[in-house]
Structure formats: structure tokens, C-alpha cells
Amino acid sequence: MAAQQLNWHKVAEGEAELILSETKIAVVEVKGKKICLGKYQEEWFGFAYKCPHASGIMQDGYIDALGNIVCPLHRYKFSVKNGRNTSGEGYFLKTYPVQLREDGMFVGLPDAGLFGSW
């Protein structure tokens, strides 16, 4: 199976441009979709704006010391690296690759392909 093609979208000129919540999570908009950005161990990660369980706003959650994004509603935990549920409920949080380059910060979204939706 071939690797999924990504389209990279510039979301900020750099880290300083991001508006972080009290919990150090920013929200950016790419093609009309809100995506959260959080930093863990000096690396940026992108993940879904809403929790897959009960649609909690993930910006209001936090990233714990183990690298889990914790939902503010029911404290479900998801790995910041791959979106896997680490607290046992079986949900999966969509994640997006983030690159900090000399010319800005970019989020990678899957190529829309034949059916146009991601």
C-alpha cells in the first residue's frame, strides 16, 4: 500500500504567532476545518478539535507529562503522537503532522483524492 499523499498548509509564520490557550494548545483553521496544535517535548503535534467520544473541545484539555492529550469532558486520553486512546475506551483521535520550517509552520492534510473529503 502506498503512503498517503499530504498537502502542506501554512498556518503560522512561526511559533510566536500561535495564540495558545492556558493549557498551551492553539487552534488553527485549514480549509475551513479547526485543528488543534500542541507542543510536547519540543515537538509540535496536530490533532482534532473535538474529542471522538462526546465532542469535547480539545483546546480546553491539556497534554500530560506522558504525552497524552486529555479531553476536558471525561478525561479520555489520546497519544499526541498517533491519536490512540491510552485510557482504555477504544476511541481514536485524528492526528496531523506538523512541520516547523524556516518559512513558517505547516500542517499536513491528506490529499483529497478522488472523493474530495478528508
N, C-alpha and C. Protein backbone atom coordinates (compact mmCIF):
# COMPACT_ATOMS: atom_id res chain seq x y z
N MET A 1 0.84 -1.18 0.00
CA MET A 1 0.00 0.00 0.00
C MET A 1 0.89 1.25 0.00
N ALA A 2 0.58 2.18 -0.87
CA ALA A 2 1.39 3.39 -0.99
C ALA A 2 1.12 4.34 0.16
N ALA A 3 2.13 5.12 0.51
CA ALA A 3 1.98 6.12 1.57
C ALA A 3 0.99 7.19 1.11
N GLN A 4 0.23 7.70 2.03
CA GLN A 4 -0.76 8.71 1.72
C GLN A 4 -0.09 10.03 1.38
N GLN A 5 -0.54 10.66 0.29
CA GLN A 5 -0.02 11.96 -0.11
C GLN A 5 -0.54 13.03 0.83
N LEU A 6 0.32 13.96 1.20
CA LEU A 6 -0.09 15.06 2.05
C LEU A 6 0.03 16.37 1.32
N ASN A 7 -0.90 17.25 1.59
CA ASN A 7 -0.81 18.63 1.15
C ASN A 7 -0.45 19.44 2.38
N TRP A 8 0.61 20.25 2.28
CA TRP A 8 1.08 21.03 3.42
C TRP A 8 0.50 22.43 3.36
N HIS A 9 -0.08 22.88 4.48
CA HIS A 9 -0.74 24.18 4.56
C HIS A 9 -0.06 25.03 5.63
N LYS A 10 0.34 26.22 5.23
CA LYS A 10 0.97 27.13 6.18
C LYS A 10 -0.09 27.68 7.13
N VAL A 11 0.15 27.55 8.44
CA VAL A 11 -0.82 28.00 9.44
C VAL A 11 -0.29 29.15 10.30
N ALA A 12 1.00 29.41 10.24
CA ALA A 12 1.59 30.50 11.02
C ALA A 12 2.98 30.82 10.47
N GLU A 13 3.43 32.05 10.72
CA GLU A 13 4.78 32.43 10.33
C GLU A 13 5.82 31.75 11.21
N GLY A 14 5.41 31.38 12.43
CA GLY A 14 6.29 30.72 13.38
C GLY A 14 5.55 30.47 14.68
N GLU A 15 6.24 29.85 15.62
CA GLU A 15 5.64 29.50 16.90
C GLU A 15 5.07 30.72 17.63
N ALA A 16 5.78 31.83 17.58
CA ALA A 16 5.38 33.02 18.32
C ALA A 16 4.03 33.56 17.85
N GLU A 17 3.64 33.26 16.64
CA GLU A 17 2.38 33.76 16.09
C GLU A 17 1.16 33.00 16.62
N LEU A 18 1.36 31.80 17.13
CA LEU A 18 0.24 30.99 17.61
C LEU A 18 -0.32 31.58 18.90
N ILE A 19 -1.63 31.55 19.00
CA ILE A 19 -2.31 32.00 20.21
C ILE A 19 -2.63 30.76 21.03
N LEU A 20 -1.89 30.59 22.13
CA LEU A 20 -2.04 29.40 22.96
C LEU A 20 -3.06 29.62 24.07
N SER A 21 -3.83 28.57 24.35
CA SER A 21 -4.75 28.62 25.48
C SER A 21 -3.94 28.52 26.78
N GLU A 22 -4.63 28.60 27.90
CA GLU A 22 -3.95 28.42 29.19
C GLU A 22 -3.27 27.07 29.28
N THR A 23 -3.81 26.09 28.54
CA THR A 23 -3.25 24.74 28.57
C THR A 23 -2.22 24.51 27.47
N LYS A 24 -1.79 25.60 26.83
CA LYS A 24 -0.73 25.57 25.81
C LYS A 24 -1.14 24.83 24.53
N ILE A 25 -2.41 24.92 24.17
CA ILE A 25 -2.90 24.34 22.92
C ILE A 25 -3.48 25.46 22.07
N ALA A 26 -3.08 25.52 20.80
CA ALA A 26 -3.57 26.53 19.87
C ALA A 26 -4.57 25.90 18.91
N VAL A 27 -5.40 26.74 18.30
CA VAL A 27 -6.32 26.27 17.26
C VAL A 27 -6.01 27.07 16.00
N VAL A 28 -5.88 26.35 14.89
CA VAL A 28 -5.70 26.97 13.58
C VAL A 28 -6.81 26.47 12.68
N GLU A 29 -7.03 27.19 11.59
CA GLU A 29 -8.05 26.75 10.65
C GLU A 29 -7.39 26.47 9.31
N VAL A 30 -7.68 25.30 8.77
CA VAL A 30 -7.14 24.88 7.48
C VAL A 30 -8.30 24.41 6.62
N LYS A 31 -8.51 25.09 5.51
CA LYS A 31 -9.59 24.73 4.59
C LYS A 31 -10.92 24.61 5.31
N GLY A 32 -11.19 25.55 6.21
CA GLY A 32 -12.46 25.58 6.92
C GLY A 32 -12.59 24.60 8.08
N LYS A 33 -11.51 23.89 8.40
CA LYS A 33 -11.54 22.90 9.47
C LYS A 33 -10.63 23.36 10.61
N LYS A 34 -11.13 23.29 11.85
CA LYS A 34 -10.33 23.65 13.00
C LYS A 34 -9.44 22.46 13.41
N ILE A 35 -8.18 22.77 13.66
CA ILE A 35 -7.19 21.78 14.08
C ILE A 35 -6.45 22.33 15.29
N CYS A 36 -6.27 21.50 16.30
CA CYS A 36 -5.50 21.90 17.48
C CYS A 36 -4.02 21.62 17.25
N LEU A 37 -3.17 22.47 17.80
CA LEU A 37 -1.73 22.28 17.78
C LEU A 37 -1.22 22.34 19.22
N GLY A 38 -0.44 21.35 19.58
CA GLY A 38 0.14 21.32 20.91
C GLY A 38 1.59 20.91 20.85
N LYS A 39 2.36 21.34 21.84
CA LYS A 39 3.78 21.05 21.87
C LYS A 39 4.08 20.08 23.01
N TYR A 40 4.84 19.04 22.68
CA TYR A 40 5.26 18.06 23.68
C TYR A 40 6.72 17.73 23.43
N GLN A 41 7.56 17.87 24.43
CA GLN A 41 9.00 17.61 24.33
C GLN A 41 9.62 18.32 23.13
N GLU A 42 9.34 19.60 23.02
CA GLU A 42 9.91 20.47 21.98
C GLU A 42 9.46 20.12 20.56
N GLU A 43 8.43 19.31 20.39
CA GLU A 43 7.91 18.96 19.07
C GLU A 43 6.43 19.32 19.00
N TRP A 44 6.01 19.86 17.84
CA TRP A 44 4.61 20.23 17.64
C TRP A 44 3.83 19.07 17.06
N PHE A 45 2.58 18.96 17.50
CA PHE A 45 1.68 17.91 17.02
C PHE A 45 0.33 18.54 16.69
N GLY A 46 -0.32 18.01 15.67
CA GLY A 46 -1.66 18.46 15.29
C GLY A 46 -2.67 17.37 15.61
N PHE A 47 -3.86 17.78 16.07
CA PHE A 47 -4.89 16.79 16.38
C PHE A 47 -6.28 17.43 16.27
N ALA A 48 -7.29 16.57 16.25
CA ALA A 48 -8.67 17.00 16.05
C ALA A 48 -9.11 18.03 17.09
N TYR A 49 -9.98 18.92 16.67
CA TYR A 49 -10.52 19.97 17.53
C TYR A 49 -11.51 19.39 18.55
N LYS A 50 -12.23 18.34 18.14
CA LYS A 50 -13.24 17.74 19.02
C LYS A 50 -12.89 16.30 19.36
N CYS A 51 -13.19 15.92 20.59
CA CYS A 51 -12.98 14.54 21.05
C CYS A 51 -13.95 13.61 20.31
N PRO A 52 -13.48 12.44 19.89
CA PRO A 52 -14.36 11.50 19.19
C PRO A 52 -15.44 10.88 20.08
N HIS A 53 -15.31 11.02 21.39
CA HIS A 53 -16.29 10.42 22.30
C HIS A 53 -17.55 11.29 22.44
N ALA A 54 -17.39 12.50 22.97
CA ALA A 54 -18.56 13.35 23.23
C ALA A 54 -18.36 14.78 22.73
N SER A 55 -17.47 14.96 21.78
CA SER A 55 -17.21 16.25 21.13
C SER A 55 -16.69 17.33 22.06
N GLY A 56 -15.96 16.94 23.11
CA GLY A 56 -15.31 17.92 23.96
C GLY A 56 -14.30 18.71 23.14
N ILE A 57 -14.16 19.98 23.44
CA ILE A 57 -13.21 20.84 22.71
C ILE A 57 -11.81 20.56 23.25
N MET A 58 -10.98 19.96 22.42
CA MET A 58 -9.66 19.51 22.86
C MET A 58 -8.74 20.67 23.24
N GLN A 59 -8.98 21.87 22.75
CA GLN A 59 -8.18 23.02 23.16
C GLN A 59 -8.35 23.29 24.65
N ASP A 60 -9.48 22.91 25.20
CA ASP A 60 -9.74 23.11 26.62
C ASP A 60 -9.14 22.00 27.49
N GLY A 61 -8.59 20.97 26.85
CA GLY A 61 -7.91 19.90 27.56
C GLY A 61 -6.46 20.28 27.77
N TYR A 62 -5.62 19.28 27.93
CA TYR A 62 -4.19 19.55 28.11
C TYR A 62 -3.37 18.33 27.67
N ILE A 63 -2.07 18.54 27.53
CA ILE A 63 -1.15 17.45 27.22
C ILE A 63 -0.43 17.11 28.52
N ASP A 64 -0.57 15.84 28.96
CA ASP A 64 0.02 15.45 30.25
C ASP A 64 1.52 15.13 30.10
N ALA A 65 2.15 14.79 31.21
CA ALA A 65 3.60 14.54 31.24
C ALA A 65 4.01 13.32 30.42
N LEU A 66 3.06 12.43 30.10
CA LEU A 66 3.37 11.23 29.32
C LEU A 66 3.11 11.43 27.82
N GLY A 67 2.67 12.61 27.43
CA GLY A 67 2.41 12.88 26.02
C GLY A 67 1.02 12.48 25.58
N ASN A 68 0.06 12.51 26.49
CA ASN A 68 -1.33 12.23 26.16
C ASN A 68 -2.13 13.51 26.14
N ILE A 69 -2.98 13.65 25.13
CA ILE A 69 -3.93 14.74 25.10
C ILE A 69 -5.11 14.29 25.96
N VAL A 70 -5.48 15.10 26.93
CA VAL A 70 -6.55 14.72 27.85
C VAL A 70 -7.78 15.57 27.55
N CYS A 71 -8.89 14.90 27.24
CA CYS A 71 -10.14 15.59 26.93
C CYS A 71 -10.69 16.25 28.19
N PRO A 72 -11.19 17.49 28.07
CA PRO A 72 -11.68 18.19 29.25
C PRO A 72 -13.01 17.64 29.79
N LEU A 73 -13.77 16.94 28.98
CA LEU A 73 -15.08 16.47 29.45
C LEU A 73 -15.01 15.24 30.35
N HIS A 74 -14.42 14.16 29.83
CA HIS A 74 -14.42 12.89 30.57
C HIS A 74 -13.02 12.36 30.86
N ARG A 75 -12.00 13.17 30.57
CA ARG A 75 -10.60 12.82 30.85
C ARG A 75 -10.10 11.63 30.03
N TYR A 76 -10.72 11.37 28.89
CA TYR A 76 -10.18 10.34 28.00
C TYR A 76 -8.82 10.83 27.53
N LYS A 77 -7.88 9.90 27.36
CA LYS A 77 -6.53 10.25 26.97
C LYS A 77 -6.18 9.64 25.62
N PHE A 78 -5.45 10.43 24.82
CA PHE A 78 -5.04 10.02 23.48
C PHE A 78 -3.57 10.36 23.29
N SER A 79 -2.81 9.46 22.68
CA SER A 79 -1.41 9.73 22.41
C SER A 79 -1.28 10.90 21.45
N VAL A 80 -0.45 11.88 21.80
CA VAL A 80 -0.23 13.03 20.95
C VAL A 80 0.47 12.61 19.65
N LYS A 81 1.17 11.49 19.69
CA LYS A 81 1.94 11.04 18.52
C LYS A 81 1.11 10.32 17.48
N ASN A 82 0.09 9.55 17.91
CA ASN A 82 -0.66 8.76 16.92
C ASN A 82 -2.17 8.75 17.14
N GLY A 83 -2.67 9.43 18.17
CA GLY A 83 -4.10 9.53 18.40
C GLY A 83 -4.75 8.32 19.07
N ARG A 84 -3.94 7.30 19.39
CA ARG A 84 -4.52 6.11 20.03
C ARG A 84 -5.00 6.42 21.43
N ASN A 85 -6.15 5.88 21.76
CA ASN A 85 -6.73 6.05 23.09
C ASN A 85 -5.89 5.27 24.09
N THR A 86 -5.38 5.94 25.12
CA THR A 86 -4.50 5.28 26.09
C THR A 86 -5.17 5.03 27.42
N SER A 87 -6.43 5.46 27.56
CA SER A 87 -7.13 5.25 28.83
C SER A 87 -8.15 4.12 28.74
N GLY A 88 -8.18 3.40 27.60
CA GLY A 88 -8.94 2.16 27.51
C GLY A 88 -10.33 2.21 26.92
N GLU A 89 -10.80 3.36 26.47
CA GLU A 89 -12.17 3.43 25.96
C GLU A 89 -12.31 3.00 24.51
N GLY A 90 -11.20 2.95 23.76
CA GLY A 90 -11.24 2.45 22.39
C GLY A 90 -11.47 3.48 21.30
N TYR A 91 -11.53 4.75 21.64
CA TYR A 91 -11.71 5.79 20.63
C TYR A 91 -10.36 6.14 19.99
N PHE A 92 -10.42 6.87 18.88
CA PHE A 92 -9.20 7.27 18.17
C PHE A 92 -9.33 8.74 17.82
N LEU A 93 -8.33 9.54 18.19
CA LEU A 93 -8.31 10.97 17.90
C LEU A 93 -7.50 11.20 16.63
N LYS A 94 -8.08 11.86 15.66
CA LYS A 94 -7.39 12.15 14.40
C LYS A 94 -6.18 13.03 14.68
N THR A 95 -5.05 12.70 14.08
CA THR A 95 -3.84 13.49 14.24
C THR A 95 -3.34 13.97 12.88
N TYR A 96 -2.55 15.03 12.90
CA TYR A 96 -2.00 15.63 11.68
C TYR A 96 -0.52 15.95 11.90
N PRO A 97 0.32 15.68 10.90
CA PRO A 97 1.74 16.04 11.04
C PRO A 97 1.93 17.55 10.99
N VAL A 98 2.90 18.02 11.74
CA VAL A 98 3.22 19.45 11.79
C VAL A 98 4.71 19.60 11.52
N GLN A 99 5.04 20.58 10.69
CA GLN A 99 6.45 20.88 10.42
C GLN A 99 6.71 22.36 10.71
N LEU A 100 7.75 22.61 11.48
CA LEU A 100 8.21 23.97 11.72
C LEU A 100 9.42 24.16 10.81
N ARG A 101 9.26 25.03 9.81
CA ARG A 101 10.31 25.28 8.82
C ARG A 101 10.79 26.72 8.94
N GLU A 102 11.83 27.04 8.19
CA GLU A 102 12.34 28.41 8.20
C GLU A 102 11.29 29.41 7.75
N ASP A 103 10.40 28.98 6.83
CA ASP A 103 9.40 29.90 6.28
C ASP A 103 8.04 29.78 6.96
N GLY A 104 7.94 29.08 8.10
CA GLY A 104 6.69 29.04 8.84
C GLY A 104 6.35 27.67 9.39
N MET A 105 5.14 27.59 9.94
CA MET A 105 4.63 26.34 10.50
C MET A 105 3.57 25.80 9.55
N PHE A 106 3.67 24.50 9.27
CA PHE A 106 2.80 23.86 8.30
C PHE A 106 2.12 22.63 8.90
N VAL A 107 0.87 22.40 8.48
CA VAL A 107 0.13 21.21 8.88
C VAL A 107 -0.12 20.40 7.61
N GLY A 108 0.12 19.08 7.69
CA GLY A 108 -0.08 18.19 6.56
C GLY A 108 -1.46 17.56 6.61
N LEU A 109 -2.22 17.74 5.53
CA LEU A 109 -3.53 17.12 5.42
C LEU A 109 -3.50 16.12 4.27
N PRO A 110 -4.25 15.03 4.42
CA PRO A 110 -4.28 14.04 3.35
C PRO A 110 -4.78 14.68 2.05
N ASP A 111 -4.22 14.23 0.95
CA ASP A 111 -4.67 14.65 -0.37
C ASP A 111 -6.12 14.26 -0.50
N ALA A 112 -6.95 15.19 -0.99
CA ALA A 112 -8.39 14.92 -1.10
C ALA A 112 -8.68 13.73 -2.01
N GLY A 113 -7.84 13.51 -3.01
CA GLY A 113 -8.01 12.36 -3.89
C GLY A 113 -9.32 12.38 -4.68
N LEU A 114 -9.76 11.21 -5.06
CA LEU A 114 -10.90 11.05 -5.96
C LEU A 114 -12.21 11.54 -5.35
N PHE A 115 -12.41 11.34 -4.08
CA PHE A 115 -13.71 11.63 -3.48
C PHE A 115 -13.76 12.97 -2.73
N GLY A 116 -12.65 13.68 -2.68
CA GLY A 116 -12.63 15.05 -2.23
C GLY A 116 -12.70 15.35 -0.74
N SER A 117 -12.98 14.39 0.10
CA SER A 117 -13.13 14.69 1.52
C SER A 117 -11.99 14.09 2.33
N TRP A 118 -11.67 14.74 3.44
CA TRP A 118 -10.66 14.20 4.35
C TRP A 118 -11.22 14.30 5.72
